[in-house]
Amino acid sequence: MSEKETLMTLKTQTGGEGTGPEALSGTQGAASRSKGELPLLGLFAVGFGLLGIFTVGPVFVPLALIFGLIAIFAGQILWGIAAVILALVGVLSSPTLMLVLGIGAFFAWLGIPLPF
């Protein structure tokens, strides 16, 4: 793996043994994950999910969903699933997103009162 390819990876090394280009090549497998590798996509996805629940939902919930799906496909499955769940909670807690997606009409059709 060239130097440029190691700089363009989706995960970063935080230190420890084997922080050179050969450690980032993916040949070490799961053993390298315990040596300080950060799942940046998953962390960003979960962060956007939390921001989507507690701040501006229409901005951060789609970002959480997109980053969560990308994290799942990048191999950060638990972080990605957590972000997708947080995105769904963000949709259900945002009246604006519920209006845009028509979830309020769906709840009314089912006879379920809205949570707010």
C-alpha atoms as a PDB file:
ATOM      1  CA  MET A   1       0.000   0.000   0.000  1.00  0.00           C
ATOM      2  CA  SER A   2       1.470   3.344  -0.980  1.00  0.00           C
ATOM      3  CA  GLU A   3       1.816   6.308   1.354  1.00  0.00           C
ATOM      4  CA  LYS A   4      -1.090   8.106  -0.337  1.00  0.00           C
ATOM      5  CA  GLU A   5      -3.382   5.100   0.136  1.00  0.00           C
ATOM      6  CA  THR A   6      -2.563   4.893   3.847  1.00  0.00           C
ATOM      7  CA  LEU A   7      -3.552   8.520   4.285  1.00  0.00           C
ATOM      8  CA  MET A   8      -6.888   7.927   2.537  1.00  0.00           C
ATOM      9  CA  THR A   9      -8.112   5.091   4.771  1.00  0.00           C
ATOM     10  CA  LEU A  10     -11.385   5.362   6.674  1.00  0.00           C
ATOM     11  CA  LYS A  11      -9.767   4.390   9.970  1.00  0.00           C
ATOM     12  CA  THR A  12      -6.878   5.976  11.822  1.00  0.00           C
ATOM     13  CA  GLN A  13      -4.235   4.643  14.129  1.00  0.00           C
ATOM     14  CA  THR A  14      -3.959   6.139  17.605  1.00  0.00           C
ATOM     15  CA  GLY A  15      -0.584   4.708  18.436  1.00  0.00           C
ATOM     16  CA  GLY A  16       0.841   1.498  19.751  1.00  0.00           C
ATOM     17  CA  GLU A  17       2.849  -1.099  17.904  1.00  0.00           C
ATOM     18  CA  GLY A  18       2.737  -1.303  14.162  1.00  0.00           C
ATOM     19  CA  THR A  19       1.662   2.178  13.147  1.00  0.00           C
ATOM     20  CA  GLY A  20       3.540   2.087   9.865  1.00  0.00           C
ATOM     21  CA  PRO A  21       2.060   1.531   6.403  1.00  0.00           C
ATOM     22  CA  GLU A  22       2.296  -2.243   6.780  1.00  0.00           C
ATOM     23  CA  ALA A  23       0.050  -2.087   9.877  1.00  0.00           C
ATOM     24  CA  LEU A  24      -2.633  -0.230   7.938  1.00  0.00           C
ATOM     25  CA  SER A  25      -2.669  -2.700   5.068  1.00  0.00           C
ATOM     26  CA  GLY A  26      -5.361  -4.811   6.708  1.00  0.00           C
ATOM     27  CA  THR A  27      -3.246  -7.957   6.881  1.00  0.00           C
ATOM     28  CA  GLN A  28      -3.334  -8.076  10.668  1.00  0.00           C
ATOM     29  CA  GLY A  29      -7.133  -8.455  10.788  1.00  0.00           C
ATOM     30  CA  ALA A  30      -8.920  -8.239  14.111  1.00  0.00           C
ATOM     31  CA  ALA A  31      -5.672  -8.097  16.073  1.00  0.00           C
ATOM     32  CA  SER A  32      -4.999  -4.582  14.795  1.00  0.00           C
ATOM     33  CA  ARG A  33      -8.377  -3.354  16.029  1.00  0.00           C
ATOM     34  CA  SER A  34      -7.363  -3.867  19.626  1.00  0.00           C
ATOM     35  CA  LYS A  35      -4.175  -1.862  19.107  1.00  0.00           C
ATOM     36  CA  GLY A  36      -5.790   1.573  18.903  1.00  0.00           C
ATOM     37  CA  GLU A  37      -7.650   1.732  15.608  1.00  0.00           C
ATOM     38  CA  LEU A  38     -10.524   4.242  15.737  1.00  0.00           C
ATOM     39  CA  PRO A  39     -13.740   3.598  13.785  1.00  0.00           C
ATOM     40  CA  LEU A  40     -14.144   7.172  12.581  1.00  0.00           C
ATOM     41  CA  LEU A  41     -17.170   6.574  10.363  1.00  0.00           C
ATOM     42  CA  GLY A  42     -19.030   4.865  13.180  1.00  0.00           C
ATOM     43  CA  LEU A  43     -18.125   7.563  15.666  1.00  0.00           C
ATOM     44  CA  PHE A  44     -19.269  10.317  13.323  1.00  0.00           C
ATOM     45  CA  ALA A  45     -22.480   8.421  12.562  1.00  0.00           C
ATOM     46  CA  VAL A  46     -23.372   7.958  16.227  1.00  0.00           C
ATOM     47  CA  GLY A  47     -22.454  11.570  16.948  1.00  0.00           C
ATOM     48  CA  PHE A  48     -24.719  12.774  14.150  1.00  0.00           C
ATOM     49  CA  GLY A  49     -27.470  10.495  15.475  1.00  0.00           C
ATOM     50  CA  LEU A  50     -27.246  12.016  18.939  1.00  0.00           C
ATOM     51  CA  LEU A  51     -27.152  15.513  17.495  1.00  0.00           C
ATOM     52  CA  GLY A  52     -30.204  14.641  15.400  1.00  0.00           C
ATOM     53  CA  ILE A  53     -32.171  13.715  18.507  1.00  0.00           C
ATOM     54  CA  PHE A  54     -31.152  16.648  20.680  1.00  0.00           C
ATOM     55  CA  THR A  55     -30.632  19.472  18.156  1.00  0.00           C
ATOM     56  CA  VAL A  56     -31.692  20.187  14.565  1.00  0.00           C
ATOM     57  CA  GLY A  57     -33.167  16.888  13.363  1.00  0.00           C
ATOM     58  CA  PRO A  58     -33.610  17.688   9.656  1.00  0.00           C
ATOM     59  CA  VAL A  59     -29.877  18.385   9.360  1.00  0.00           C
ATOM     60  CA  PHE A  60     -28.282  15.661  11.453  1.00  0.00           C
ATOM     61  CA  VAL A  61     -30.683  12.702  11.086  1.00  0.00           C
ATOM     62  CA  PRO A  62     -30.001  12.224   7.347  1.00  0.00           C
ATOM     63  CA  LEU A  63     -26.260  12.555   8.031  1.00  0.00           C
ATOM     64  CA  ALA A  64     -26.524   9.897  10.749  1.00  0.00           C
ATOM     65  CA  LEU A  65     -28.397   7.585   8.417  1.00  0.00           C
ATOM     66  CA  ILE A  66     -25.919   8.048   5.562  1.00  0.00           C
ATOM     67  CA  PHE A  67     -22.825   7.709   7.751  1.00  0.00           C
ATOM     68  CA  GLY A  68     -24.391   4.746   9.569  1.00  0.00           C
ATOM     69  CA  LEU A  69     -25.016   2.860   6.340  1.00  0.00           C
ATOM     70  CA  ILE A  70     -21.519   3.648   5.087  1.00  0.00           C
ATOM     71  CA  ALA A  71     -20.085   2.466   8.430  1.00  0.00           C
ATOM     72  CA  ILE A  72     -21.981  -0.819   8.111  1.00  0.00           C
ATOM     73  CA  PHE A  73     -20.551  -1.410   4.642  1.00  0.00           C
ATOM     74  CA  ALA A  74     -17.070  -0.377   5.818  1.00  0.00           C
ATOM     75  CA  GLY A  75     -17.096  -3.120   8.443  1.00  0.00           C
ATOM     76  CA  GLN A  76     -18.017  -1.076  11.504  1.00  0.00           C
ATOM     77  CA  ILE A  77     -21.264  -2.960  11.942  1.00  0.00           C
ATOM     78  CA  LEU A  78     -22.128  -2.229  15.580  1.00  0.00           C
ATOM     79  CA  TRP A  79     -21.424   1.485  15.232  1.00  0.00           C
ATOM     80  CA  GLY A  80     -23.441   1.601  12.016  1.00  0.00           C
ATOM     81  CA  ILE A  81     -26.439  -0.201  13.498  1.00  0.00           C
ATOM     82  CA  ALA A  82     -26.363   2.077  16.538  1.00  0.00           C
ATOM     83  CA  ALA A  83     -26.339   5.110  14.243  1.00  0.00           C
ATOM     84  CA  VAL A  84     -29.249   3.824  12.153  1.00  0.00           C
ATOM     85  CA  ILE A  85     -31.277   3.200  15.331  1.00  0.00           C
ATOM     86  CA  LEU A  86     -30.434   6.702  16.574  1.00  0.00           C
ATOM     87  CA  ALA A  87     -31.479   8.103  13.183  1.00  0.00           C
ATOM     88  CA  LEU A  88     -34.846   6.349  13.473  1.00  0.00           C
ATOM     89  CA  VAL A  89     -35.295   7.734  16.981  1.00  0.00           C
ATOM     90  CA  GLY A  90     -34.356  11.151  15.606  1.00  0.00           C
ATOM     91  CA  VAL A  91     -37.060  10.869  12.934  1.00  0.00           C
ATOM     92  CA  LEU A  92     -39.663   9.933  15.533  1.00  0.00           C
ATOM     93  CA  SER A  93     -38.631  12.802  17.821  1.00  0.00           C
ATOM     94  CA  SER A  94     -38.594  15.512  15.143  1.00  0.00           C
ATOM     95  CA  PRO A  95     -41.983  16.967  14.199  1.00  0.00           C
ATOM     96  CA  THR A  96     -40.474  18.508  11.067  1.00  0.00           C
ATOM     97  CA  LEU A  97     -39.184  15.184   9.772  1.00  0.00           C
ATOM     98  CA  MET A  98     -42.439  13.472  10.691  1.00  0.00           C
ATOM     99  CA  LEU A  99     -44.313  16.088   8.674  1.00  0.00           C
ATOM    100  CA  VAL A 100     -41.981  15.755   5.692  1.00  0.00           C
ATOM    101  CA  LEU A 101     -42.145  11.960   5.694  1.00  0.00           C
ATOM    102  CA  GLY A 102     -45.879  11.763   6.427  1.00  0.00           C
ATOM    103  CA  ILE A 103     -45.439   9.709   9.567  1.00  0.00           C
ATOM    104  CA  GLY A 104     -48.050  11.809  11.373  1.00  0.00           C
ATOM    105  CA  ALA A 105     -50.672  10.812   8.809  1.00  0.00           C
ATOM    106  CA  PHE A 106     -49.593   7.176   9.163  1.00  0.00           C
ATOM    107  CA  PHE A 107     -49.992   7.352  12.959  1.00  0.00           C
ATOM    108  CA  ALA A 108     -53.396   8.992  12.552  1.00  0.00           C
ATOM    109  CA  TRP A 109     -54.430   6.261  10.128  1.00  0.00           C
ATOM    110  CA  LEU A 110     -53.417   3.617  12.671  1.00  0.00           C
ATOM    111  CA  GLY A 111     -55.143   5.515  15.507  1.00  0.00           C
ATOM    112  CA  ILE A 112     -51.914   5.951  17.488  1.00  0.00           C
ATOM    113  CA  PRO A 113     -51.534   9.323  19.258  1.00  0.00           C
ATOM    114  CA  LEU A 114     -48.399  11.288  18.394  1.00  0.00           C
ATOM    115  CA  PRO A 115     -45.671  11.254  21.061  1.00  0.00           C
ATOM    116  CA  PHE A 116     -45.683  15.058  21.473  1.00  0.00           C
END
